[in-house]
Amino acid sequence: MEADLGSGTVYPILERLRSNGWVTSYAESDPHPGRPPRRFYQLTGTGRLAADVALKERAARQARFRLAGGIA
């Protein structure tokens, strides 16, 4: 999924999620010459639950907006 956000936006968000225990991160094990090792991020169980709740709340808001005559 693409969010069209720059790294100055994405990485602070990922760091906040990591500090809240919602994601874990780890460095690439086999770095490639000419670039620094990549970092990978993965949702924790707590993060997955929080994401599921957030997605359900968003879907409910969108449904209410459509029912109120808004544009989907």
N, C-alpha and C. Protein backbone atom coordinates (compact mmCIF):
# COMPACT_ATOMS: atom_id res chain seq x y z
N MET A 1 0.84 -1.17 0.00
CA MET A 1 0.00 0.00 0.00
C MET A 1 0.89 1.23 0.00
N GLU A 2 0.50 2.23 -0.79
CA GLU A 2 1.24 3.48 -0.85
C GLU A 2 0.47 4.57 -0.12
N ALA A 3 1.18 5.34 0.67
CA ALA A 3 0.54 6.42 1.41
C ALA A 3 0.94 7.79 0.86
N ASP A 4 1.90 7.82 -0.07
CA ASP A 4 2.38 9.07 -0.66
C ASP A 4 2.88 10.03 0.41
N LEU A 5 3.64 9.50 1.37
CA LEU A 5 4.22 10.30 2.44
C LEU A 5 5.74 10.24 2.33
N GLY A 6 6.41 11.33 2.64
CA GLY A 6 7.86 11.36 2.60
C GLY A 6 8.47 10.68 3.82
N SER A 7 9.77 10.39 3.72
CA SER A 7 10.45 9.70 4.81
C SER A 7 10.46 10.53 6.09
N GLY A 8 10.42 11.86 5.97
CA GLY A 8 10.38 12.72 7.15
C GLY A 8 9.07 12.61 7.91
N THR A 9 8.06 12.05 7.26
CA THR A 9 6.76 11.81 7.90
C THR A 9 6.67 10.37 8.37
N VAL A 10 7.08 9.44 7.51
CA VAL A 10 6.91 8.01 7.78
C VAL A 10 7.77 7.54 8.95
N TYR A 11 9.05 7.88 8.96
CA TYR A 11 9.93 7.33 10.00
C TYR A 11 9.61 7.81 11.41
N PRO A 12 9.23 9.08 11.60
CA PRO A 12 8.79 9.46 12.95
C PRO A 12 7.53 8.70 13.40
N ILE A 13 6.63 8.44 12.46
CA ILE A 13 5.43 7.65 12.80
C ILE A 13 5.83 6.24 13.19
N LEU A 14 6.71 5.62 12.40
CA LEU A 14 7.16 4.26 12.71
C LEU A 14 7.87 4.21 14.06
N GLU A 15 8.66 5.23 14.37
CA GLU A 15 9.36 5.26 15.66
C GLU A 15 8.36 5.38 16.81
N ARG A 16 7.33 6.19 16.62
CA ARG A 16 6.30 6.32 17.66
C ARG A 16 5.56 4.99 17.85
N LEU A 17 5.25 4.32 16.76
CA LEU A 17 4.58 3.01 16.85
C LEU A 17 5.49 2.00 17.56
N ARG A 18 6.80 2.06 17.27
CA ARG A 18 7.75 1.15 17.92
C ARG A 18 7.83 1.43 19.41
N SER A 19 7.88 2.71 19.78
CA SER A 19 8.00 3.05 21.20
C SER A 19 6.73 2.70 21.96
N ASN A 20 5.59 2.64 21.27
CA ASN A 20 4.33 2.22 21.89
C ASN A 20 4.16 0.70 21.91
N GLY A 21 5.11 -0.02 21.31
CA GLY A 21 5.03 -1.48 21.29
C GLY A 21 4.11 -2.03 20.22
N TRP A 22 3.76 -1.22 19.23
CA TRP A 22 2.84 -1.67 18.18
C TRP A 22 3.58 -2.29 16.99
N VAL A 23 4.86 -1.94 16.82
CA VAL A 23 5.67 -2.56 15.78
C VAL A 23 7.03 -2.91 16.36
N THR A 24 7.66 -3.87 15.73
CA THR A 24 9.06 -4.17 16.01
C THR A 24 9.85 -3.84 14.75
N SER A 25 11.13 -3.62 14.90
CA SER A 25 11.96 -3.34 13.73
C SER A 25 13.26 -4.12 13.85
N TYR A 26 13.82 -4.40 12.69
CA TYR A 26 15.12 -5.07 12.66
C TYR A 26 15.83 -4.66 11.38
N ALA A 27 17.17 -4.71 11.44
CA ALA A 27 17.98 -4.32 10.29
C ALA A 27 18.13 -5.50 9.34
N GLU A 28 18.31 -5.18 8.08
CA GLU A 28 18.57 -6.16 7.05
C GLU A 28 19.81 -6.96 7.43
N SER A 29 19.75 -8.27 7.29
CA SER A 29 20.89 -9.09 7.72
C SER A 29 22.01 -9.13 6.70
N ASP A 30 21.71 -8.99 5.43
CA ASP A 30 22.73 -9.02 4.38
C ASP A 30 22.75 -7.68 3.65
N PRO A 31 23.50 -6.69 4.19
CA PRO A 31 23.52 -5.38 3.54
C PRO A 31 24.12 -5.47 2.14
N HIS A 32 23.66 -4.59 1.30
CA HIS A 32 24.17 -4.54 -0.07
C HIS A 32 25.19 -3.42 -0.18
N PRO A 33 26.26 -3.64 -0.96
CA PRO A 33 27.27 -2.59 -1.12
C PRO A 33 26.66 -1.32 -1.72
N GLY A 34 27.11 -0.19 -1.24
CA GLY A 34 26.68 1.07 -1.80
C GLY A 34 25.46 1.69 -1.14
N ARG A 35 24.89 1.02 -0.17
CA ARG A 35 23.75 1.62 0.54
C ARG A 35 23.71 1.06 1.95
N PRO A 36 23.14 1.83 2.86
CA PRO A 36 23.03 1.34 4.23
C PRO A 36 22.01 0.20 4.32
N PRO A 37 22.10 -0.61 5.37
CA PRO A 37 21.12 -1.69 5.53
C PRO A 37 19.71 -1.13 5.70
N ARG A 38 18.75 -1.80 5.12
CA ARG A 38 17.35 -1.40 5.28
C ARG A 38 16.84 -1.83 6.64
N ARG A 39 15.79 -1.14 7.11
CA ARG A 39 15.10 -1.54 8.34
C ARG A 39 13.74 -2.08 7.93
N PHE A 40 13.35 -3.16 8.58
CA PHE A 40 12.06 -3.77 8.33
C PHE A 40 11.20 -3.59 9.57
N TYR A 41 9.91 -3.40 9.37
CA TYR A 41 8.96 -3.16 10.46
C TYR A 41 7.85 -4.19 10.37
N GLN A 42 7.41 -4.67 11.54
CA GLN A 42 6.35 -5.67 11.59
C GLN A 42 5.43 -5.36 12.76
N LEU A 43 4.11 -5.46 12.51
CA LEU A 43 3.15 -5.23 13.59
C LEU A 43 3.30 -6.30 14.67
N THR A 44 3.19 -5.89 15.91
CA THR A 44 3.13 -6.84 17.03
C THR A 44 1.66 -7.26 17.20
N GLY A 45 1.38 -8.17 18.09
CA GLY A 45 0.00 -8.56 18.38
C GLY A 45 -0.82 -7.37 18.84
N THR A 46 -0.24 -6.57 19.71
CA THR A 46 -0.92 -5.36 20.20
C THR A 46 -1.16 -4.38 19.04
N GLY A 47 -0.18 -4.23 18.19
CA GLY A 47 -0.31 -3.35 17.03
C GLY A 47 -1.38 -3.83 16.07
N ARG A 48 -1.46 -5.14 15.88
CA ARG A 48 -2.49 -5.71 15.00
C ARG A 48 -3.88 -5.42 15.55
N LEU A 49 -4.06 -5.61 16.86
CA LEU A 49 -5.36 -5.32 17.48
C LEU A 49 -5.71 -3.84 17.33
N ALA A 50 -4.74 -2.96 17.57
CA ALA A 50 -4.99 -1.52 17.45
C ALA A 50 -5.32 -1.15 16.01
N ALA A 51 -4.64 -1.75 15.05
CA ALA A 51 -4.92 -1.48 13.64
C ALA A 51 -6.32 -1.96 13.26
N ASP A 52 -6.70 -3.14 13.73
CA ASP A 52 -8.04 -3.65 13.44
C ASP A 52 -9.12 -2.72 14.00
N VAL A 53 -8.94 -2.24 15.22
CA VAL A 53 -9.90 -1.32 15.82
C VAL A 53 -9.96 -0.03 15.00
N ALA A 54 -8.81 0.51 14.64
CA ALA A 54 -8.77 1.77 13.89
C ALA A 54 -9.45 1.61 12.53
N LEU A 55 -9.22 0.49 11.86
CA LEU A 55 -9.84 0.26 10.55
C LEU A 55 -11.35 0.12 10.67
N LYS A 56 -11.82 -0.56 11.71
CA LYS A 56 -13.26 -0.70 11.92
C LYS A 56 -13.90 0.65 12.23
N GLU A 57 -13.23 1.47 13.05
CA GLU A 57 -13.75 2.80 13.37
C GLU A 57 -13.80 3.67 12.13
N ARG A 58 -12.79 3.57 11.29
CA ARG A 58 -12.76 4.35 10.04
C ARG A 58 -13.89 3.92 9.12
N ALA A 59 -14.09 2.61 8.98
CA ALA A 59 -15.17 2.12 8.12
C ALA A 59 -16.53 2.59 8.63
N ALA A 60 -16.71 2.62 9.95
CA ALA A 60 -17.98 3.07 10.53
C ALA A 60 -18.19 4.56 10.25
N ARG A 61 -17.13 5.37 10.36
CA ARG A 61 -17.24 6.80 10.06
C ARG A 61 -17.59 7.02 8.59
N GLN A 62 -16.94 6.25 7.71
CA GLN A 62 -17.23 6.40 6.28
C GLN A 62 -18.66 5.99 5.98
N ALA A 63 -19.16 4.95 6.62
CA ALA A 63 -20.55 4.51 6.40
C ALA A 63 -21.51 5.59 6.87
N ARG A 64 -21.25 6.19 8.02
CA ARG A 64 -22.11 7.28 8.52
C ARG A 64 -22.11 8.46 7.58
N PHE A 65 -20.95 8.77 7.02
CA PHE A 65 -20.82 9.89 6.09
C PHE A 65 -21.64 9.62 4.83
N ARG A 66 -21.57 8.40 4.31
CA ARG A 66 -22.35 8.05 3.12
C ARG A 66 -23.85 8.11 3.42
N LEU A 67 -24.26 7.62 4.59
CA LEU A 67 -25.67 7.64 4.96
C LEU A 67 -26.19 9.07 5.13
N ALA A 68 -25.30 9.97 5.50
CA ALA A 68 -25.68 11.38 5.69
C ALA A 68 -25.68 12.14 4.37
N GLY A 69 -25.39 11.46 3.27
CA GLY A 69 -25.43 12.10 1.96
C GLY A 69 -24.10 12.63 1.47
N GLY A 70 -23.02 12.27 2.15
CA GLY A 70 -21.70 12.68 1.71
C GLY A 70 -21.25 11.88 0.51
N ILE A 71 -20.18 12.32 -0.08
CA ILE A 71 -19.62 11.62 -1.25
C ILE A 71 -18.62 10.58 -0.73
N ALA A 72 -18.76 9.34 -1.19
CA ALA A 72 -17.90 8.25 -0.72
C ALA A 72 -16.53 8.35 -1.31
